[in-house]
Structure formats: structure tokens, C-alpha cells
């Protein structure tokens, strides 16, 4: 049995991720078209709701595939044994940490 090189493993992984990405995008297009047709016809059924949920889930899955694809591409661009170009880190900003704000609504009663 022959050993697979690091670069060949990355190329195979890239091909698998690319194929999965293409299949996912195709399914997203089909679901989006179905959802659009249902909304045009004004028929928001249980099947429509399931399609919306599946589309949302597929968008999250697609995002993960795109991140994997990007990492694989970075690994392929960097030869084995070499580290990526050293880029100095930017200095931390001196801005204060943002605080969460809450909006409070108060109702006043009118006095007779």
C-alpha cells in the first residue's frame, strides 16, 4: 500500500469539500426557488416551513464548508515545513469595551 503525501491528502480534501459545497449550493437554489414560488402564491404550508428550516440549516453548513475550503487552500499555498509569512500583530485598541444597553419603556398613568 502506497503512502499518500501531505499535499495529495490536502488536494483530496479540497476536492471533497468542493464537491460538497457544489451539492449544498445546488440544494440551496432549489429550496430558495420553492420558497419563493410558495410566497408568490401565498401558500405558506408546513412543507414551506420545513423548506425554510432546511435552507437555514444548509446556509450554516455551507458557511462551515467555505471555512474548511479556505483553510485547505491556505495549507496548499504554504509548502510543507514552512510557516506562513510573519505578519506583525496590530496593537490592541485603546477603545473602551462596549457596554450592552437596554431600552426600558415606562408608561405613566394620567391622574384624573
N, C-alpha and C. Protein backbone atom coordinates (compact mmCIF):
# COMPACT_ATOMS: atom_id res chain seq x y z
N UNK A 1 0.85 -1.17 0.00
CA UNK A 1 0.00 0.00 0.00
C UNK A 1 0.90 1.24 0.00
N UNK A 2 0.64 2.17 -0.91
CA UNK A 2 1.48 3.36 -1.01
C UNK A 2 1.03 4.43 -0.02
N UNK A 3 2.00 5.20 0.42
CA UNK A 3 1.69 6.29 1.33
C UNK A 3 1.25 7.50 0.54
N UNK A 4 0.33 8.23 1.10
CA UNK A 4 -0.17 9.44 0.46
C UNK A 4 0.60 10.64 1.04
N UNK A 5 0.98 11.55 0.19
CA UNK A 5 1.71 12.72 0.66
C UNK A 5 0.75 13.71 1.31
N UNK A 6 1.33 14.61 2.07
CA UNK A 6 0.55 15.65 2.75
C UNK A 6 -0.20 16.49 1.72
N UNK A 7 0.50 16.86 0.64
CA UNK A 7 -0.12 17.70 -0.38
C UNK A 7 -1.25 16.96 -1.09
N UNK A 8 -1.05 15.66 -1.37
CA UNK A 8 -2.10 14.89 -2.03
C UNK A 8 -3.33 14.76 -1.13
N UNK A 9 -3.12 14.58 0.16
CA UNK A 9 -4.23 14.50 1.11
C UNK A 9 -5.01 15.81 1.12
N UNK A 10 -4.29 16.92 1.06
CA UNK A 10 -4.95 18.23 1.02
C UNK A 10 -5.74 18.39 -0.28
N UNK A 11 -5.17 17.95 -1.38
CA UNK A 11 -5.87 18.05 -2.67
C UNK A 11 -7.14 17.20 -2.68
N UNK A 12 -7.06 16.01 -2.09
CA UNK A 12 -8.26 15.17 -2.00
C UNK A 12 -9.31 15.81 -1.10
N UNK A 13 -8.87 16.36 0.01
CA UNK A 13 -9.80 17.05 0.92
C UNK A 13 -10.43 18.24 0.21
N UNK A 14 -9.64 18.96 -0.56
CA UNK A 14 -10.15 20.11 -1.30
C UNK A 14 -11.20 19.68 -2.31
N UNK A 15 -10.96 18.57 -2.99
CA UNK A 15 -11.93 18.06 -3.96
C UNK A 15 -13.23 17.65 -3.27
N UNK A 16 -13.12 16.98 -2.13
CA UNK A 16 -14.31 16.56 -1.40
C UNK A 16 -15.12 17.76 -0.90
N UNK A 17 -14.43 18.75 -0.36
CA UNK A 17 -15.12 19.94 0.14
C UNK A 17 -15.75 20.71 -1.01
N UNK A 18 -15.04 20.80 -2.13
CA UNK A 18 -15.58 21.50 -3.29
C UNK A 18 -16.84 20.80 -3.81
N UNK A 19 -16.82 19.49 -3.84
CA UNK A 19 -17.99 18.73 -4.29
C UNK A 19 -19.16 18.94 -3.33
N UNK A 20 -18.90 18.85 -2.03
CA UNK A 20 -19.95 19.04 -1.03
C UNK A 20 -20.51 20.46 -1.12
N UNK A 21 -19.63 21.43 -1.35
CA UNK A 21 -20.05 22.82 -1.48
C UNK A 21 -20.97 22.99 -2.69
N UNK A 22 -20.60 22.39 -3.81
CA UNK A 22 -21.43 22.47 -5.01
C UNK A 22 -22.80 21.83 -4.81
N UNK A 23 -22.83 20.65 -4.18
CA UNK A 23 -24.10 19.97 -3.92
C UNK A 23 -24.97 20.79 -2.97
N UNK A 24 -24.35 21.38 -1.96
CA UNK A 24 -25.10 22.19 -0.99
C UNK A 24 -25.67 23.43 -1.66
N UNK A 25 -24.88 24.08 -2.49
CA UNK A 25 -25.36 25.28 -3.17
C UNK A 25 -26.49 24.95 -4.13
N UNK A 26 -26.41 23.80 -4.79
CA UNK A 26 -27.49 23.38 -5.68
C UNK A 26 -28.77 23.17 -4.89
N UNK A 27 -28.68 22.49 -3.75
CA UNK A 27 -29.86 22.25 -2.91
C UNK A 27 -30.43 23.58 -2.40
N UNK A 28 -29.54 24.51 -2.03
CA UNK A 28 -29.99 25.83 -1.57
C UNK A 28 -30.78 26.54 -2.67
N UNK A 29 -30.30 26.46 -3.92
CA UNK A 29 -31.00 27.12 -5.02
C UNK A 29 -32.39 26.51 -5.23
N UNK A 30 -32.47 25.18 -5.16
CA UNK A 30 -33.76 24.51 -5.34
C UNK A 30 -34.73 24.92 -4.24
N UNK A 31 -34.27 24.91 -2.99
CA UNK A 31 -35.13 25.29 -1.87
C UNK A 31 -35.55 26.76 -1.97
N UNK A 32 -34.61 27.62 -2.33
CA UNK A 32 -34.93 29.05 -2.45
C UNK A 32 -35.99 29.27 -3.53
N UNK A 33 -35.89 28.56 -4.63
CA UNK A 33 -36.88 28.68 -5.70
C UNK A 33 -38.25 28.21 -5.22
N UNK A 34 -38.27 27.08 -4.50
CA UNK A 34 -39.53 26.55 -3.98
C UNK A 34 -40.17 27.54 -2.99
N UNK A 35 -39.34 28.06 -2.09
CA UNK A 35 -39.84 29.00 -1.09
C UNK A 35 -40.39 30.25 -1.77
N UNK A 36 -39.68 30.74 -2.76
CA UNK A 36 -40.12 31.93 -3.49
C UNK A 36 -41.45 31.69 -4.19
N UNK A 37 -41.61 30.52 -4.82
CA UNK A 37 -42.87 30.21 -5.50
C UNK A 37 -44.03 30.11 -4.51
N UNK A 38 -43.77 29.50 -3.36
CA UNK A 38 -44.81 29.41 -2.34
C UNK A 38 -45.23 30.79 -1.87
N UNK A 39 -44.26 31.67 -1.64
CA UNK A 39 -44.58 33.01 -1.16
C UNK A 39 -45.32 33.82 -2.23
N UNK A 40 -44.95 33.62 -3.49
CA UNK A 40 -45.65 34.30 -4.58
C UNK A 40 -47.11 33.87 -4.64
N UNK A 41 -47.33 32.57 -4.41
CA UNK A 41 -48.70 32.03 -4.45
C UNK A 41 -49.45 32.25 -3.14
N UNK A 42 -48.74 32.73 -2.11
CA UNK A 42 -49.38 32.96 -0.82
C UNK A 42 -49.68 31.68 -0.06
N UNK A 43 -48.95 30.62 -0.36
CA UNK A 43 -49.22 29.34 0.32
C UNK A 43 -48.05 28.96 1.24
N UNK A 44 -48.16 29.42 2.46
CA UNK A 44 -47.14 29.09 3.46
C UNK A 44 -47.64 27.88 4.26
N UNK A 45 -47.24 26.71 3.78
CA UNK A 45 -47.70 25.46 4.37
C UNK A 45 -46.64 24.89 5.31
N UNK A 46 -46.93 23.72 5.84
CA UNK A 46 -45.97 23.01 6.68
C UNK A 46 -44.72 22.67 5.86
N UNK A 47 -44.93 22.27 4.62
CA UNK A 47 -43.80 21.93 3.74
C UNK A 47 -42.94 23.17 3.49
N UNK A 48 -43.60 24.33 3.33
CA UNK A 48 -42.88 25.59 3.16
C UNK A 48 -42.01 25.86 4.39
N UNK A 49 -42.59 25.67 5.59
CA UNK A 49 -41.84 25.90 6.83
C UNK A 49 -40.63 24.97 6.92
N UNK A 50 -40.82 23.71 6.55
CA UNK A 50 -39.70 22.76 6.56
C UNK A 50 -38.62 23.17 5.57
N UNK A 51 -39.02 23.67 4.42
CA UNK A 51 -38.06 24.13 3.42
C UNK A 51 -37.26 25.33 3.94
N UNK A 52 -37.93 26.23 4.63
CA UNK A 52 -37.25 27.40 5.20
C UNK A 52 -36.23 26.94 6.25
N UNK A 53 -36.63 26.00 7.11
CA UNK A 53 -35.71 25.48 8.13
C UNK A 53 -34.51 24.78 7.49
N UNK A 54 -34.79 23.97 6.46
CA UNK A 54 -33.69 23.26 5.79
C UNK A 54 -32.75 24.24 5.11
N UNK A 55 -33.28 25.27 4.48
CA UNK A 55 -32.45 26.28 3.83
C UNK A 55 -31.56 26.99 4.85
N UNK A 56 -32.12 27.33 5.98
CA UNK A 56 -31.35 27.97 7.04
C UNK A 56 -30.22 27.06 7.51
N UNK A 57 -30.54 25.80 7.70
CA UNK A 57 -29.54 24.83 8.13
C UNK A 57 -28.44 24.65 7.08
N UNK A 58 -28.86 24.61 5.82
CA UNK A 58 -27.89 24.45 4.74
C UNK A 58 -26.97 25.67 4.62
N UNK A 59 -27.49 26.85 4.91
CA UNK A 59 -26.65 28.05 4.87
C UNK A 59 -25.55 27.96 5.93
N UNK A 60 -25.90 27.48 7.11
CA UNK A 60 -24.89 27.30 8.17
C UNK A 60 -23.87 26.24 7.76
N UNK A 61 -24.34 25.15 7.20
CA UNK A 61 -23.44 24.07 6.74
C UNK A 61 -22.53 24.59 5.64
N UNK A 62 -23.08 25.39 4.71
CA UNK A 62 -22.30 25.97 3.61
C UNK A 62 -21.20 26.88 4.17
N UNK A 63 -21.53 27.65 5.19
CA UNK A 63 -20.53 28.52 5.81
C UNK A 63 -19.36 27.72 6.37
N UNK A 64 -19.66 26.59 7.01
CA UNK A 64 -18.61 25.72 7.53
C UNK A 64 -17.76 25.14 6.42
N UNK A 65 -18.41 24.73 5.32
CA UNK A 65 -17.66 24.20 4.18
C UNK A 65 -16.74 25.26 3.58
N UNK A 66 -17.24 26.48 3.51
CA UNK A 66 -16.42 27.56 2.95
C UNK A 66 -15.20 27.84 3.83
N UNK A 67 -15.38 27.78 5.15
CA UNK A 67 -14.24 27.98 6.06
C UNK A 67 -13.22 26.86 5.88
N UNK A 68 -13.71 25.61 5.77
CA UNK A 68 -12.80 24.47 5.54
C UNK A 68 -12.05 24.64 4.23
N UNK A 69 -12.79 25.03 3.19
CA UNK A 69 -12.18 25.22 1.88
C UNK A 69 -11.07 26.27 1.94
N UNK A 70 -11.34 27.36 2.64
CA UNK A 70 -10.35 28.42 2.79
C UNK A 70 -9.11 27.93 3.53
N UNK A 71 -9.31 27.16 4.61
CA UNK A 71 -8.17 26.62 5.36
C UNK A 71 -7.35 25.66 4.52
N UNK A 72 -8.02 24.83 3.75
CA UNK A 72 -7.31 23.88 2.88
C UNK A 72 -6.51 24.64 1.84
N UNK A 73 -7.09 25.69 1.26
CA UNK A 73 -6.38 26.49 0.27
C UNK A 73 -5.14 27.15 0.88
N UNK A 74 -5.29 27.66 2.11
CA UNK A 74 -4.14 28.25 2.80
C UNK A 74 -3.05 27.21 3.01
N UNK A 75 -3.44 26.01 3.40
CA UNK A 75 -2.46 24.94 3.61
C UNK A 75 -1.78 24.55 2.31
N UNK A 76 -2.52 24.53 1.22
CA UNK A 76 -1.92 24.19 -0.08
C UNK A 76 -0.97 25.29 -0.56
N UNK A 77 -1.26 26.52 -0.21
CA UNK A 77 -0.41 27.65 -0.61
C UNK A 77 0.89 27.70 0.17
N UNK A 78 0.92 27.06 1.33
CA UNK A 78 2.11 27.09 2.18
C UNK A 78 2.82 25.74 2.07
N UNK A 79 4.03 25.70 1.51
CA UNK A 79 4.76 24.43 1.38
C UNK A 79 4.98 23.76 2.73
N UNK A 80 5.02 22.43 2.71
CA UNK A 80 5.21 21.65 3.94
C UNK A 80 6.54 22.04 4.59
N UNK A 81 6.51 22.24 5.88
CA UNK A 81 7.72 22.58 6.62
C UNK A 81 7.99 24.07 6.70
N UNK A 82 7.27 24.87 5.95
CA UNK A 82 7.45 26.32 6.00
C UNK A 82 6.27 26.94 6.73
N UNK A 83 6.57 27.99 7.46
CA UNK A 83 5.47 28.69 8.14
C UNK A 83 5.01 29.84 7.25
N UNK A 84 3.77 30.24 7.39
CA UNK A 84 3.29 31.37 6.59
C UNK A 84 4.07 32.63 6.92
N UNK A 85 3.99 33.59 6.02
CA UNK A 85 4.73 34.84 6.21
C UNK A 85 4.41 35.44 7.57
N UNK A 86 5.43 35.90 8.24
CA UNK A 86 5.26 36.51 9.56
C UNK A 86 4.75 37.93 9.37
N UNK A 87 3.59 38.17 9.89
CA UNK A 87 2.99 39.50 9.82
C UNK A 87 2.88 40.01 11.25
N UNK A 88 3.39 41.22 11.50
CA UNK A 88 3.30 41.74 12.86
C UNK A 88 1.84 41.91 13.28
N UNK A 89 1.59 41.58 14.52
CA UNK A 89 0.25 41.75 15.07
C UNK A 89 -0.04 43.23 15.29
N UNK A 90 -1.26 43.61 15.04
CA UNK A 90 -1.62 45.00 15.26
C UNK A 90 -1.75 45.23 16.76
N UNK A 91 -1.46 46.46 17.17
CA UNK A 91 -1.53 46.76 18.59
C UNK A 91 -2.99 46.80 19.03
N UNK A 92 -3.26 46.39 20.24
CA UNK A 92 -4.64 46.41 20.72
C UNK A 92 -5.16 47.84 20.78
N UNK A 93 -6.43 47.99 20.49
CA UNK A 93 -7.01 49.33 20.50
C UNK A 93 -7.20 49.79 21.95
N UNK A 94 -7.19 51.09 22.11
CA UNK A 94 -7.38 51.67 23.44
C UNK A 94 -8.83 52.05 23.69
N UNK A 95 -9.71 51.61 22.80
CA UNK A 95 -11.13 51.94 22.97
C UNK A 95 -11.69 51.17 24.15
N UNK A 96 -12.63 51.79 24.84
CA UNK A 96 -13.26 51.09 25.97
C UNK A 96 -14.12 49.93 25.45
N UNK A 97 -14.28 48.96 26.27
CA UNK A 97 -15.11 47.80 25.93
C UNK A 97 -16.55 48.26 25.80
N UNK A 98 -17.21 47.91 24.68
CA UNK A 98 -18.60 48.36 24.53
C UNK A 98 -19.51 47.73 25.58
N UNK A 99 -20.44 48.51 26.06
CA UNK A 99 -21.37 48.03 27.07
C UNK A 99 -22.72 47.77 26.41
N UNK A 100 -23.35 46.76 26.88
CA UNK A 100 -24.68 46.44 26.39
C UNK A 100 -25.67 47.44 26.96
N UNK A 101 -26.52 47.96 26.09
CA UNK A 101 -27.52 48.90 26.54
C UNK A 101 -28.89 48.25 26.47
N UNK A 102 -29.73 48.60 27.41
CA UNK A 102 -31.10 48.10 27.41
C UNK A 102 -32.04 49.27 27.28
N UNK A 103 -33.08 49.04 26.55
CA UNK A 103 -34.10 50.07 26.41
C UNK A 103 -35.25 49.72 27.34
N UNK A 104 -35.65 50.68 28.13
CA UNK A 104 -36.73 50.48 29.08
C UNK A 104 -37.87 51.39 28.69
N UNK A 105 -39.07 50.83 28.66
CA UNK A 105 -40.23 51.63 28.32
C UNK A 105 -41.06 51.81 29.59
N UNK A 106 -41.38 53.05 29.87
CA UNK A 106 -42.13 53.37 31.08
C UNK A 106 -43.46 53.98 30.65
N UNK A 107 -44.53 53.49 31.26
CA UNK A 107 -45.83 54.06 30.99
C UNK A 107 -46.28 54.85 32.20
N UNK A 108 -46.67 56.08 31.94
CA UNK A 108 -47.16 56.93 33.03
C UNK A 108 -48.68 56.93 33.00
N UNK A 109 -49.27 56.87 34.18
CA UNK A 109 -50.71 56.93 34.29
C UNK A 109 -51.15 58.38 34.42
N UNK A 110 -52.21 58.71 33.76
CA UNK A 110 -52.75 60.07 33.88
C UNK A 110 -53.57 60.16 35.15
N UNK A 111 -53.38 61.26 35.81
CA UNK A 111 -54.19 61.50 37.03
C UNK A 111 -55.45 62.23 36.65
N UNK A 112 -56.58 61.82 37.25
CA UNK A 112 -57.87 62.49 36.93
C UNK A 112 -57.95 63.90 37.44
